[in-house]
């Protein structure tokens, strides 16, 4: 009797297995086309692109300094492998960006995202079509960037969409955030990124030259790319949500690769009363260590010491508040050394 039960159970499992296999002989879903660009809480997809794309020897691969590229993944959905040639058409999508700006910022046009692909700009180019071949469910759209002279105090976004048409032989994904890519583009170099601001003090300078004991601090200070050796930060407590943020750009130029001095520069020094402490020279160093439990993971740190400058914050016309900014700040990156492409290896 036990033997009969065992044979019956085996037969049932066999039938079940055959049924499960038969279930996936036919496609279970539509073969929709989509971008791989998940949106964050601000309605955009942050992508990080090296300011200059280089090879293993450090030589530029895209034409020179400020030339770079990014490969945006695209997907054919479905439970079975794609079996046809598909030519997907891609277009610039300023209308979606306009809707996003108005919905998120309303009348605060100073906070609007700027369209990197707008007519007359040469910061980016992309192919009109991308090809899927049989057996290929994922392909890459090559975006070419020219970051020379870009001003990162503008919030640059590249809006793209998959174009539908009956004669194209495909359908874009019905979820709009799958068929559209709203890419917030962040070029980076060795020194850019989010620094800890907990050791930077912002003290108000009184009319008699004394300073308040209380200090204002920022949890994070972002350094934006200017070129391969230069970044800028916003002075004091100013950040990218300030209307007049462009006034307060402080450039930091790094003299050296892993350590050396740092030079200040400010295009609006006279207007905001920017004044570095002449008795203190800022410096930097880069250090790294491997993770204790994940030996392939490198922790890399950029430490900027001896930051010391004064500036005037102008909350309204005719009123100034003078600040003394002092301290040091540290930026950390985690890099997966098993991945050859650095922008993919960095755990953003």
C-alpha atoms as a PDB file:
ATOM      1  CA  UNK A   1       0.000   0.000   0.000  1.00  0.00           C
ATOM      2  CA  UNK A   2       2.825   2.402   0.879  1.00  0.00           C
ATOM      3  CA  UNK A   3       4.400   1.618  -2.469  1.00  0.00           C
ATOM      4  CA  UNK A   4       1.167   2.488  -4.292  1.00  0.00           C
ATOM      5  CA  UNK A   5       0.937   5.813  -2.435  1.00  0.00           C
ATOM      6  CA  UNK A   6       4.541   6.583  -3.305  1.00  0.00           C
ATOM      7  CA  UNK A   7       3.965   5.870  -7.006  1.00  0.00           C
ATOM      8  CA  UNK A   8       0.803   7.978  -6.993  1.00  0.00           C
ATOM      9  CA  UNK A   9       2.641  10.887  -5.370  1.00  0.00           C
ATOM     10  CA  UNK A  10       5.465  10.619  -7.911  1.00  0.00           C
ATOM     11  CA  UNK A  11       2.967  10.590 -10.783  1.00  0.00           C
ATOM     12  CA  UNK A  12       1.270  13.697  -9.365  1.00  0.00           C
ATOM     13  CA  UNK A  13       4.565  15.527  -9.106  1.00  0.00           C
ATOM     14  CA  UNK A  14       5.432  14.562 -12.673  1.00  0.00           C
ATOM     15  CA  UNK A  15       2.120  15.873 -13.996  1.00  0.00           C
ATOM     16  CA  UNK A  16       2.533  19.062 -11.986  1.00  0.00           C
ATOM     17  CA  UNK A  17       6.019  19.564 -13.344  1.00  0.00           C
ATOM     18  CA  UNK A  18       4.835  19.076 -16.926  1.00  0.00           C
ATOM     19  CA  UNK A  19       1.969  21.495 -16.358  1.00  0.00           C
ATOM     20  CA  UNK A  20       4.330  24.128 -14.955  1.00  0.00           C
ATOM     21  CA  UNK A  21       6.651  23.771 -17.929  1.00  0.00           C
ATOM     22  CA  UNK A  22       3.749  23.943 -20.414  1.00  0.00           C
ATOM     23  CA  UNK A  23       2.534  27.100 -18.710  1.00  0.00           C
ATOM     24  CA  UNK A  24       5.586  29.051 -19.957  1.00  0.00           C
ATOM     25  CA  UNK A  25       5.609  27.796 -23.534  1.00  0.00           C
ATOM     26  CA  UNK A  26       3.502  30.826 -24.483  1.00  0.00           C
ATOM     27  CA  UNK A  27       4.188  34.448 -23.607  1.00  0.00           C
ATOM     28  CA  UNK A  28       2.516  35.530 -20.361  1.00  0.00           C
ATOM     29  CA  UNK A  29       2.970  39.300 -20.801  1.00  0.00           C
ATOM     30  CA  UNK A  30       3.163  41.960 -23.482  1.00  0.00           C
ATOM     31  CA  UNK A  31       6.575  42.802 -24.940  1.00  0.00           C
ATOM     32  CA  UNK A  32       6.548  46.442 -23.880  1.00  0.00           C
ATOM     33  CA  UNK A  33       9.607  48.666 -24.347  1.00  0.00           C
ATOM     34  CA  UNK A  34      10.835  50.707 -21.380  1.00  0.00           C
ATOM     35  CA  UNK A  35      13.796  52.588 -19.960  1.00  0.00           C
ATOM     36  CA  UNK A  36      15.559  51.336 -16.846  1.00  0.00           C
ATOM     37  CA  UNK A  37      15.384  54.674 -14.995  1.00  0.00           C
ATOM     38  CA  UNK A  38      13.520  54.452 -11.667  1.00  0.00           C
ATOM     39  CA  UNK A  39      12.398  57.822 -10.317  1.00  0.00           C
ATOM     40  CA  UNK A  40      13.330  59.151  -6.899  1.00  0.00           C
ATOM     41  CA  UNK A  41      11.187  61.230  -4.534  1.00  0.00           C
ATOM     42  CA  UNK A  42      11.901  64.348  -6.612  1.00  0.00           C
ATOM     43  CA  UNK A  43      10.551  62.796  -9.790  1.00  0.00           C
ATOM     44  CA  UNK A  44      13.927  62.328 -11.527  1.00  0.00           C
ATOM     45  CA  UNK A  45      16.579  59.634 -11.977  1.00  0.00           C
ATOM     46  CA  UNK A  46      20.023  60.663 -10.748  1.00  0.00           C
ATOM     47  CA  UNK A  47      22.838  59.509 -13.024  1.00  0.00           C
ATOM     48  CA  UNK A  48      26.526  60.055 -12.294  1.00  0.00           C
ATOM     49  CA  UNK A  49      28.831  60.542 -15.273  1.00  0.00           C
ATOM     50  CA  UNK A  50      32.609  61.093 -15.129  1.00  0.00           C
ATOM     51  CA  UNK A  51      33.478  64.650 -16.181  1.00  0.00           C
ATOM     52  CA  UNK A  52      36.089  63.131 -18.504  1.00  0.00           C
ATOM     53  CA  UNK A  53      35.718  59.520 -19.628  1.00  0.00           C
ATOM     54  CA  UNK A  54      39.165  57.869 -19.571  1.00  0.00           C
ATOM     55  CA  UNK A  55      40.776  54.481 -20.146  1.00  0.00           C
ATOM     56  CA  UNK A  56      42.761  52.440 -17.610  1.00  0.00           C
ATOM     57  CA  UNK A  57      45.822  54.642 -18.221  1.00  0.00           C
ATOM     58  CA  UNK A  58      43.908  57.849 -17.616  1.00  0.00           C
ATOM     59  CA  UNK A  59      43.763  58.904 -21.271  1.00  0.00           C
ATOM     60  CA  UNK A  60      40.518  60.548 -22.493  1.00  0.00           C
ATOM     61  CA  UNK A  61      38.420  58.166 -24.593  1.00  0.00           C
ATOM     62  CA  UNK A  62      35.666  60.494 -25.817  1.00  0.00           C
ATOM     63  CA  UNK A  63      37.785  63.230 -27.404  1.00  0.00           C
ATOM     64  CA  UNK A  64      39.283  65.219 -24.531  1.00  0.00           C
ATOM     65  CA  UNK A  65      38.670  66.869 -21.183  1.00  0.00           C
ATOM     66  CA  UNK A  66      34.999  67.339 -20.404  1.00  0.00           C
ATOM     67  CA  UNK A  67      33.924  64.687 -22.936  1.00  0.00           C
ATOM     68  CA  UNK A  68      32.032  61.720 -21.526  1.00  0.00           C
ATOM     69  CA  UNK A  69      29.281  59.164 -22.084  1.00  0.00           C
ATOM     70  CA  UNK A  70      26.597  57.178 -20.310  1.00  0.00           C
ATOM     71  CA  UNK A  71      24.815  53.993 -21.393  1.00  0.00           C
ATOM     72  CA  UNK A  72      21.139  54.079 -20.432  1.00  0.00           C
ATOM     73  CA  UNK A  73      19.583  50.580 -20.148  1.00  0.00           C
ATOM     74  CA  UNK A  74      16.431  49.775 -22.121  1.00  0.00           C
ATOM     75  CA  UNK A  75      14.301  46.645 -21.630  1.00  0.00           C
ATOM     76  CA  UNK A  76      11.840  44.414 -23.524  1.00  0.00           C
ATOM     77  CA  UNK A  77       9.394  43.045 -20.933  1.00  0.00           C
ATOM     78  CA  UNK A  78       7.927  39.541 -21.072  1.00  0.00           C
ATOM     79  CA  UNK A  79       8.256  36.030 -19.662  1.00  0.00           C
ATOM     80  CA  UNK A  80       9.924  34.723 -22.837  1.00  0.00           C
ATOM     81  CA  UNK A  81      13.048  35.867 -24.615  1.00  0.00           C
ATOM     82  CA  UNK A  82      12.646  38.483 -27.334  1.00  0.00           C
ATOM     83  CA  UNK A  83      12.678  36.760 -30.742  1.00  0.00           C
ATOM     84  CA  UNK A  84      12.624  39.678 -33.168  1.00  0.00           C
ATOM     85  CA  UNK A  85      14.555  42.684 -34.402  1.00  0.00           C
ATOM     86  CA  UNK A  86      13.101  45.812 -32.826  1.00  0.00           C
ATOM     87  CA  UNK A  87      14.082  49.342 -33.782  1.00  0.00           C
ATOM     88  CA  UNK A  88      13.050  51.661 -30.952  1.00  0.00           C
ATOM     89  CA  UNK A  89      12.658  55.371 -31.626  1.00  0.00           C
ATOM     90  CA  UNK A  90      13.747  57.852 -28.963  1.00  0.00           C
ATOM     91  CA  UNK A  91      12.928  61.553 -28.782  1.00  0.00           C
ATOM     92  CA  UNK A  92      13.502  64.619 -26.634  1.00  0.00           C
ATOM     93  CA  UNK A  93      10.565  65.190 -24.240  1.00  0.00           C
ATOM     94  CA  UNK A  94      10.437  68.800 -22.993  1.00  0.00           C
ATOM     95  CA  UNK A  95       6.662  68.646 -22.354  1.00  0.00           C
ATOM     96  CA  UNK A  96       7.038  66.091 -19.559  1.00  0.00           C
ATOM     97  CA  UNK A  97       9.776  68.197 -17.966  1.00  0.00           C
ATOM     98  CA  UNK A  98       7.505  71.268 -18.091  1.00  0.00           C
ATOM     99  CA  UNK A  99       4.743  69.315 -16.340  1.00  0.00           C
ATOM    100  CA  UNK A 100       7.173  68.065 -13.682  1.00  0.00           C
ATOM    101  CA  UNK A 101       8.542  71.548 -12.993  1.00  0.00           C
ATOM    102  CA  UNK A 102       5.126  73.112 -12.639  1.00  0.00           C
ATOM    103  CA  UNK A 103       3.754  70.287 -10.485  1.00  0.00           C
ATOM    104  CA  UNK A 104       6.760  70.265  -8.136  1.00  0.00           C
ATOM    105  CA  UNK A 105       7.769  73.928  -7.936  1.00  0.00           C
ATOM    106  CA  UNK A 106       4.708  75.885  -9.164  1.00  0.00           C
ATOM    107  CA  UNK A 107       5.755  79.546  -9.496  1.00  0.00           C
ATOM    108  CA  UNK A 108       9.259  79.012  -8.062  1.00  0.00           C
ATOM    109  CA  UNK A 109      10.857  79.113 -11.506  1.00  0.00           C
ATOM    110  CA  UNK A 110      14.275  79.659  -9.915  1.00  0.00           C
ATOM    111  CA  UNK A 111      14.082  76.054  -8.699  1.00  0.00           C
ATOM    112  CA  UNK A 112      13.006  74.563 -12.048  1.00  0.00           C
ATOM    113  CA  UNK A 113      15.072  71.829 -13.628  1.00  0.00           C
ATOM    114  CA  UNK A 114      16.918  73.032 -16.718  1.00  0.00           C
ATOM    115  CA  UNK A 115      16.551  71.113 -19.982  1.00  0.00           C
ATOM    116  CA  UNK A 116      19.977  69.847 -21.038  1.00  0.00           C
ATOM    117  CA  UNK A 117      18.644  68.822 -24.443  1.00  0.00           C
ATOM    118  CA  UNK A 118      17.054  72.180 -25.342  1.00  0.00           C
ATOM    119  CA  UNK A 119      17.655  73.686 -28.780  1.00  0.00           C
ATOM    120  CA  UNK A 120      20.901  75.615 -29.010  1.00  0.00           C
ATOM    121  CA  UNK A 121      22.688  73.651 -26.270  1.00  0.00           C
ATOM    122  CA  UNK A 122      25.508  71.226 -27.025  1.00  0.00           C
ATOM    123  CA  UNK A 123      25.867  69.440 -23.702  1.00  0.00           C
ATOM    124  CA  UNK A 124      24.352  66.133 -24.824  1.00  0.00           C
ATOM    125  CA  UNK A 125      23.421  64.067 -27.874  1.00  0.00           C
ATOM    126  CA  UNK A 126      21.605  60.739 -28.218  1.00  0.00           C
ATOM    127  CA  UNK A 127      20.709  58.322 -31.054  1.00  0.00           C
ATOM    128  CA  UNK A 128      17.324  58.615 -32.753  1.00  0.00           C
ATOM    129  CA  UNK A 129      16.934  54.822 -32.686  1.00  0.00           C
ATOM    130  CA  UNK A 130      18.165  51.926 -30.549  1.00  0.00           C
ATOM    131  CA  UNK A 131      18.207  48.316 -31.776  1.00  0.00           C
ATOM    132  CA  UNK A 132      17.134  45.105 -30.032  1.00  0.00           C
ATOM    133  CA  UNK A 133      18.217  41.886 -31.777  1.00  0.00           C
ATOM    134  CA  UNK A 134      16.668  38.402 -31.401  1.00  0.00           C
ATOM    135  CA  UNK A 135      17.634  36.886 -28.073  1.00  0.00           C
ATOM    136  CA  UNK A 136      18.264  40.338 -26.577  1.00  0.00           C
ATOM    137  CA  UNK A 137      15.959  41.612 -23.825  1.00  0.00           C
ATOM    138  CA  UNK A 138      18.218  44.450 -22.662  1.00  0.00           C
ATOM    139  CA  UNK A 139      20.117  46.964 -24.749  1.00  0.00           C
ATOM    140  CA  UNK A 140      21.871  50.266 -24.074  1.00  0.00           C
ATOM    141  CA  UNK A 141      21.220  53.768 -25.365  1.00  0.00           C
ATOM    142  CA  UNK A 142      24.507  55.658 -25.749  1.00  0.00           C
ATOM    143  CA  UNK A 143      24.332  59.232 -24.461  1.00  0.00           C
ATOM    144  CA  UNK A 144      27.250  61.516 -25.361  1.00  0.00           C
ATOM    145  CA  UNK A 145      28.072  64.461 -23.075  1.00  0.00           C
ATOM    146  CA  UNK A 146      30.165  67.589 -23.473  1.00  0.00           C
ATOM    147  CA  UNK A 147      30.500  69.138 -20.020  1.00  0.00           C
ATOM    148  CA  UNK A 148      32.909  71.907 -20.967  1.00  0.00           C
ATOM    149  CA  UNK A 149      31.727  75.264 -19.577  1.00  0.00           C
ATOM    150  CA  UNK A 150      28.632  73.739 -17.987  1.00  0.00           C
ATOM    151  CA  UNK A 151      27.344  75.611 -14.918  1.00  0.00           C
ATOM    152  CA  UNK A 152      26.227  73.057 -12.362  1.00  0.00           C
ATOM    153  CA  UNK A 153      24.418  75.682 -10.292  1.00  0.00           C
ATOM    154  CA  UNK A 154      21.689  75.012 -12.873  1.00  0.00           C
ATOM    155  CA  UNK A 155      19.804  71.775 -12.165  1.00  0.00           C
ATOM    156  CA  UNK A 156      20.384  69.980 -15.456  1.00  0.00           C
ATOM    157  CA  UNK A 157      17.943  67.288 -16.567  1.00  0.00           C
ATOM    158  CA  UNK A 158      17.699  65.298 -19.798  1.00  0.00           C
ATOM    159  CA  UNK A 159      14.083  64.281 -20.619  1.00  0.00           C
ATOM    160  CA  UNK A 160      13.658  61.426 -23.123  1.00  0.00           C
ATOM    161  CA  UNK A 161      10.676  59.381 -24.294  1.00  0.00           C
ATOM    162  CA  UNK A 162      10.052  56.218 -26.315  1.00  0.00           C
ATOM    163  CA  UNK A 163       8.079  57.124 -29.434  1.00  0.00           C
ATOM    164  CA  UNK A 164       5.068  54.986 -30.365  1.00  0.00           C
ATOM    165  CA  UNK A 165       3.751  54.491 -33.887  1.00  0.00           C
ATOM    166  CA  UNK A 166       1.766  51.607 -35.479  1.00  0.00           C
ATOM    167  CA  UNK A 167       4.390  51.053 -38.196  1.00  0.00           C
ATOM    168  CA  UNK A 168       7.226  50.678 -35.676  1.00  0.00           C
ATOM    169  CA  UNK A 169       6.078  47.209 -34.561  1.00  0.00           C
ATOM    170  CA  UNK A 170       6.423  47.723 -30.835  1.00  0.00           C
ATOM    171  CA  UNK A 171       4.547  49.351 -27.952  1.00  0.00           C
ATOM    172  CA  UNK A 172       6.101  51.502 -25.265  1.00  0.00           C
ATOM    173  CA  UNK A 173       5.297  50.565 -21.694  1.00  0.00           C
ATOM    174  CA  UNK A 174       1.848  51.918 -20.694  1.00  0.00           C
ATOM    175  CA  UNK A 175       3.226  53.210 -17.392  1.00  0.00           C
ATOM    176  CA  UNK A 176       4.474  56.652 -18.316  1.00  0.00           C
ATOM    177  CA  UNK A 177       7.374  56.596 -15.870  1.00  0.00           C
ATOM    178  CA  UNK A 178       8.639  53.442 -17.628  1.00  0.00           C
ATOM    179  CA  UNK A 179       8.382  54.852 -21.152  1.00  0.00           C
ATOM    180  CA  UNK A 180      10.053  58.126 -20.168  1.00  0.00           C
ATOM    181  CA  UNK A 181      13.456  58.918 -18.674  1.00  0.00           C
ATOM    182  CA  UNK A 182      13.933  62.117 -16.667  1.00  0.00           C
ATOM    183  CA  UNK A 183      17.680  62.029 -16.021  1.00  0.00           C
ATOM    184  CA  UNK A 184      19.208  64.409 -13.455  1.00  0.00           C
ATOM    185  CA  UNK A 185      22.792  64.517 -14.682  1.00  0.00           C
ATOM    186  CA  UNK A 186      25.688  64.843 -12.217  1.00  0.00           C
ATOM    187  CA  UNK A 187      29.158  64.922 -13.780  1.00  0.00           C
ATOM    188  CA  UNK A 188      31.799  63.974 -11.235  1.00  0.00           C
ATOM    189  CA  UNK A 189      35.560  64.058 -10.701  1.00  0.00           C
ATOM    190  CA  UNK A 190      37.794  62.723  -7.912  1.00  0.00           C
ATOM    191  CA  UNK A 191      36.816  65.546  -5.551  1.00  0.00           C
ATOM    192  CA  UNK A 192      33.094  66.118  -6.161  1.00  0.00           C
ATOM    193  CA  UNK A 193      30.270  64.672  -4.103  1.00  0.00           C
ATOM    194  CA  UNK A 194      28.551  65.028  -0.750  1.00  0.00           C
ATOM    195  CA  UNK A 195      30.855  66.050   2.090  1.00  0.00           C
ATOM    196  CA  UNK A 196      30.028  65.863   5.758  1.00  0.00           C
ATOM    197  CA  UNK A 197      29.515  69.419   7.027  1.00  0.00           C
ATOM    198  CA  UNK A 198      29.388  68.648  10.754  1.00  0.00           C
ATOM    199  CA  UNK A 199      32.904  70.025  11.306  1.00  0.00           C
ATOM    200  CA  UNK A 200      32.285  73.273   9.412  1.00  0.00           C
ATOM    201  CA  UNK A 201      31.222  76.193  11.615  1.00  0.00           C
ATOM    202  CA  UNK A 202      29.314  79.247  10.362  1.00  0.00           C
ATOM    203  CA  UNK A 203      29.558  82.056  12.900  1.00  0.00           C
ATOM    204  CA  UNK A 204      28.048  85.526  12.545  1.00  0.00           C
ATOM    205  CA  UNK A 205      30.586  88.370  12.651  1.00  0.00           C
ATOM    206  CA  UNK A 206      29.300  91.323  14.681  1.00  0.00           C
ATOM    207  CA  UNK A 207      29.841  94.994  13.771  1.00  0.00           C
ATOM    208  CA  UNK A 208      32.713  95.241  16.287  1.00  0.00           C
ATOM    209  CA  UNK A 209      34.502  92.273  14.699  1.00  0.00           C
ATOM    210  CA  UNK A 210      33.596  89.753  17.401  1.00  0.00           C
ATOM    211  CA  UNK A 211      31.878  86.498  16.551  1.00  0.00           C
ATOM    212  CA  UNK A 212      28.897  84.750  18.062  1.00  0.00           C
ATOM    213  CA  UNK A 213      29.590  81.671  20.132  1.00  0.00           C
ATOM    214  CA  UNK A 214      26.698  79.841  18.481  1.00  0.00           C
ATOM    215  CA  UNK A 215      27.416  78.244  15.134  1.00  0.00           C
ATOM    216  CA  UNK A 216      25.191  77.134  12.270  1.00  0.00           C
ATOM    217  CA  UNK A 217      26.108  73.828  10.646  1.00  0.00           C
ATOM    218  CA  UNK A 218      24.940  71.899   7.585  1.00  0.00           C
ATOM    219  CA  UNK A 219      24.776  68.124   7.637  1.00  0.00           C
ATOM    220  CA  UNK A 220      25.902  67.859   4.019  1.00  0.00           C
ATOM    221  CA  UNK A 221      27.878  70.136   1.698  1.00  0.00           C
ATOM    222  CA  UNK A 222      27.742  69.165  -1.952  1.00  0.00           C
ATOM    223  CA  UNK A 223      30.743  69.862  -4.193  1.00  0.00           C
ATOM    224  CA  UNK A 224      29.847  70.259  -7.891  1.00  0.00           C
ATOM    225  CA  UNK A 225      32.182  69.761 -10.849  1.00  0.00           C
ATOM    226  CA  UNK A 226      33.875  72.681 -12.605  1.00  0.00           C
ATOM    227  CA  UNK A 227      36.635  70.704 -14.337  1.00  0.00           C
ATOM    228  CA  UNK A 228      38.821  67.671 -13.628  1.00  0.00           C
ATOM    229  CA  UNK A 229      40.734  69.415 -10.813  1.00  0.00           C
ATOM    230  CA  UNK A 230      38.125  71.920  -9.605  1.00  0.00           C
ATOM    231  CA  UNK A 231      34.786  71.841  -7.814  1.00  0.00           C
ATOM    232  CA  UNK A 232      32.560  74.506  -6.344  1.00  0.00           C
ATOM    233  CA  UNK A 233      30.556  74.626  -3.140  1.00  0.00           C
ATOM    234  CA  UNK A 234      28.005  77.167  -1.990  1.00  0.00           C
ATOM    235  CA  UNK A 235      29.274  79.524   0.687  1.00  0.00           C
ATOM    236  CA  UNK A 236      28.219  78.913   4.266  1.00  0.00           C
ATOM    237  CA  UNK A 237      24.661  77.675   4.686  1.00  0.00           C
ATOM    238  CA  UNK A 238      23.581  78.371   1.088  1.00  0.00           C
ATOM    239  CA  UNK A 239      22.472  75.384  -1.007  1.00  0.00           C
ATOM    240  CA  UNK A 240      20.782  74.690  -4.357  1.00  0.00           C
ATOM    241  CA  UNK A 241      17.343  75.626  -3.037  1.00  0.00           C
ATOM    242  CA  UNK A 242      18.351  79.288  -2.617  1.00  0.00           C
ATOM    243  CA  UNK A 243      17.047  81.701  -5.255  1.00  0.00           C
ATOM    244  CA  UNK A 244      20.349  83.589  -5.552  1.00  0.00           C
ATOM    245  CA  UNK A 245      22.639  80.581  -5.120  1.00  0.00           C
ATOM    246  CA  UNK A 246      24.813  81.524  -8.120  1.00  0.00           C
ATOM    247  CA  UNK A 247      26.159  84.517  -6.195  1.00  0.00           C
ATOM    248  CA  UNK A 248      27.679  82.255  -3.563  1.00  0.00           C
ATOM    249  CA  UNK A 249      29.727  79.811  -5.614  1.00  0.00           C
ATOM    250  CA  UNK A 250      33.146  79.213  -4.059  1.00  0.00           C
ATOM    251  CA  UNK A 251      35.541  77.314  -6.319  1.00  0.00           C
ATOM    252  CA  UNK A 252      38.087  74.920  -4.843  1.00  0.00           C
ATOM    253  CA  UNK A 253      41.024  73.970  -7.093  1.00  0.00           C
ATOM    254  CA  UNK A 254      43.045  70.917  -6.018  1.00  0.00           C
ATOM    255  CA  UNK A 255      46.786  71.071  -6.620  1.00  0.00           C
ATOM    256  CA  UNK A 256      47.843  67.445  -6.763  1.00  0.00           C
ATOM    257  CA  UNK A 257      46.328  64.023  -7.239  1.00  0.00           C
ATOM    258  CA  UNK A 258      46.158  62.516  -3.749  1.00  0.00           C
ATOM    259  CA  UNK A 259      47.344  65.399  -1.552  1.00  0.00           C
ATOM    260  CA  UNK A 260      48.326  69.040  -1.793  1.00  0.00           C
ATOM    261  CA  UNK A 261      47.014  72.548  -1.379  1.00  0.00           C
ATOM    262  CA  UNK A 262      43.588  73.895  -2.278  1.00  0.00           C
ATOM    263  CA  UNK A 263      43.062  77.324  -3.893  1.00  0.00           C
ATOM    264  CA  UNK A 264      39.912  79.435  -3.509  1.00  0.00           C
ATOM    265  CA  UNK A 265      38.233  81.440  -6.258  1.00  0.00           C
ATOM    266  CA  UNK A 266      34.942  83.359  -6.349  1.00  0.00           C
ATOM    267  CA  UNK A 267      33.530  85.086  -9.438  1.00  0.00           C
ATOM    268  CA  UNK A 268      31.411  87.373  -7.230  1.00  0.00           C
ATOM    269  CA  UNK A 269      34.000  88.006  -4.516  1.00  0.00           C
ATOM    270  CA  UNK A 270      33.420  91.758  -4.345  1.00  0.00           C
ATOM    271  CA  UNK A 271      29.633  91.520  -4.380  1.00  0.00           C
ATOM    272  CA  UNK A 272      29.439  89.041  -1.487  1.00  0.00           C
ATOM    273  CA  UNK A 273      32.561  90.247   0.360  1.00  0.00           C
ATOM    274  CA  UNK A 274      34.350  86.921  -0.047  1.00  0.00           C
ATOM    275  CA  UNK A 275      37.641  87.024   1.823  1.00  0.00           C
ATOM    276  CA  UNK A 276      39.845  83.982   2.510  1.00  0.00           C
ATOM    277  CA  UNK A 277      41.889  84.069   5.703  1.00  0.00           C
ATOM    278  CA  UNK A 278      45.377  84.987   4.362  1.00  0.00           C
ATOM    279  CA  UNK A 279      47.085  83.209   7.266  1.00  0.00           C
ATOM    280  CA  UNK A 280      45.512  79.801   6.597  1.00  0.00           C
ATOM    281  CA  UNK A 281      46.067  77.648   3.511  1.00  0.00           C
ATOM    282  CA  UNK A 282      43.524  74.881   2.920  1.00  0.00           C
ATOM    283  CA  UNK A 283      44.872  71.462   1.997  1.00  0.00           C
ATOM    284  CA  UNK A 284      43.521  68.065   1.037  1.00  0.00           C
ATOM    285  CA  UNK A 285      44.448  64.408   1.115  1.00  0.00           C
ATOM    286  CA  UNK A 286      42.893  61.248  -0.292  1.00  0.00           C
ATOM    287  CA  UNK A 287      43.093  57.993   1.642  1.00  0.00           C
ATOM    288  CA  UNK A 288      41.590  54.572   1.101  1.00  0.00           C
ATOM    289  CA  UNK A 289      41.125  51.237   2.841  1.00  0.00           C
ATOM    290  CA  UNK A 290      39.548  47.907   1.964  1.00  0.00           C
ATOM    291  CA  UNK A 291      36.413  46.719   3.730  1.00  0.00           C
ATOM    292  CA  UNK A 292      37.040  44.211   6.525  1.00  0.00           C
ATOM    293  CA  UNK A 293      34.207  41.855   5.526  1.00  0.00           C
ATOM    294  CA  UNK A 294      33.920  42.598   1.808  1.00  0.00           C
ATOM    295  CA  UNK A 295      37.528  42.616   0.541  1.00  0.00           C
ATOM    296  CA  UNK A 296      36.505  43.759  -2.947  1.00  0.00           C
ATOM    297  CA  UNK A 297      35.011  47.014  -1.557  1.00  0.00           C
ATOM    298  CA  UNK A 298      37.304  50.040  -1.326  1.00  0.00           C
ATOM    299  CA  UNK A 299      36.469  52.933   0.995  1.00  0.00           C
ATOM    300  CA  UNK A 300      37.959  56.122  -0.441  1.00  0.00           C
ATOM    301  CA  UNK A 301      37.976  59.412   1.482  1.00  0.00           C
ATOM    302  CA  UNK A 302      38.703  62.979   0.415  1.00  0.00           C
ATOM    303  CA  UNK A 303      39.482  65.227   3.385  1.00  0.00           C
ATOM    304  CA  UNK A 304      39.747  69.014   3.018  1.00  0.00           C
ATOM    305  CA  UNK A 305      41.386  70.729   5.995  1.00  0.00           C
ATOM    306  CA  UNK A 306      41.836  74.347   7.099  1.00  0.00           C
ATOM    307  CA  UNK A 307      38.831  75.864   5.340  1.00  0.00           C
ATOM    308  CA  UNK A 308      38.735  79.456   6.580  1.00  0.00           C
ATOM    309  CA  UNK A 309      36.956  82.357   4.851  1.00  0.00           C
ATOM    310  CA  UNK A 310      34.504  85.217   5.348  1.00  0.00           C
ATOM    311  CA  UNK A 311      31.529  86.213   3.209  1.00  0.00           C
ATOM    312  CA  UNK A 312      28.395  88.363   3.304  1.00  0.00           C
ATOM    313  CA  UNK A 313      25.000  86.750   3.039  1.00  0.00           C
ATOM    314  CA  UNK A 314      22.385  89.116   1.559  1.00  0.00           C
ATOM    315  CA  UNK A 315      18.906  87.931   2.628  1.00  0.00           C
ATOM    316  CA  UNK A 316      17.215  91.036   1.186  1.00  0.00           C
ATOM    317  CA  UNK A 317      18.546  94.015  -0.699  1.00  0.00           C
ATOM    318  CA  UNK A 318      20.237  96.472   1.657  1.00  0.00           C
ATOM    319  CA  UNK A 319      20.829  93.898   4.417  1.00  0.00           C
ATOM    320  CA  UNK A 320      23.964  91.815   4.916  1.00  0.00           C
ATOM    321  CA  UNK A 321      25.004  89.217   7.458  1.00  0.00           C
ATOM    322  CA  UNK A 322      28.727  88.538   7.611  1.00  0.00           C
ATOM    323  CA  UNK A 323      29.783  84.968   8.311  1.00  0.00           C
ATOM    324  CA  UNK A 324      33.081  83.377   9.262  1.00  0.00           C
ATOM    325  CA  UNK A 325      33.328  79.833   7.915  1.00  0.00           C
ATOM    326  CA  UNK A 326      35.928  77.473   9.369  1.00  0.00           C
ATOM    327  CA  UNK A 327      36.679  73.797   9.653  1.00  0.00           C
ATOM    328  CA  UNK A 328      37.221  70.646   7.632  1.00  0.00           C
ATOM    329  CA  UNK A 329      34.979  68.369   5.618  1.00  0.00           C
ATOM    330  CA  UNK A 330      35.167  64.753   4.445  1.00  0.00           C
ATOM    331  CA  UNK A 331      33.649  62.958   1.472  1.00  0.00           C
ATOM    332  CA  UNK A 332      33.533  59.157   1.271  1.00  0.00           C
ATOM    333  CA  UNK A 333      33.001  56.825  -1.687  1.00  0.00           C
ATOM    334  CA  UNK A 334      32.524  53.072  -1.666  1.00  0.00           C
ATOM    335  CA  UNK A 335      33.980  51.484  -4.801  1.00  0.00           C
ATOM    336  CA  UNK A 336      33.391  47.898  -5.932  1.00  0.00           C
ATOM    337  CA  UNK A 337      36.781  46.986  -7.398  1.00  0.00           C
ATOM    338  CA  UNK A 338      35.289  43.991  -9.226  1.00  0.00           C
ATOM    339  CA  UNK A 339      33.471  46.307 -11.649  1.00  0.00           C
ATOM    340  CA  UNK A 340      35.726  47.824 -14.339  1.00  0.00           C
ATOM    341  CA  UNK A 341      33.595  50.902 -15.151  1.00  0.00           C
ATOM    342  CA  UNK A 342      34.150  53.348 -12.294  1.00  0.00           C
ATOM    343  CA  UNK A 343      30.793  55.106 -12.582  1.00  0.00           C
ATOM    344  CA  UNK A 344      29.111  51.708 -12.179  1.00  0.00           C
ATOM    345  CA  UNK A 345      31.604  50.590  -9.495  1.00  0.00           C
ATOM    346  CA  UNK A 346      30.913  53.560  -7.208  1.00  0.00           C
ATOM    347  CA  UNK A 347      28.014  52.807  -4.876  1.00  0.00           C
ATOM    348  CA  UNK A 348      26.176  56.081  -5.202  1.00  0.00           C
END
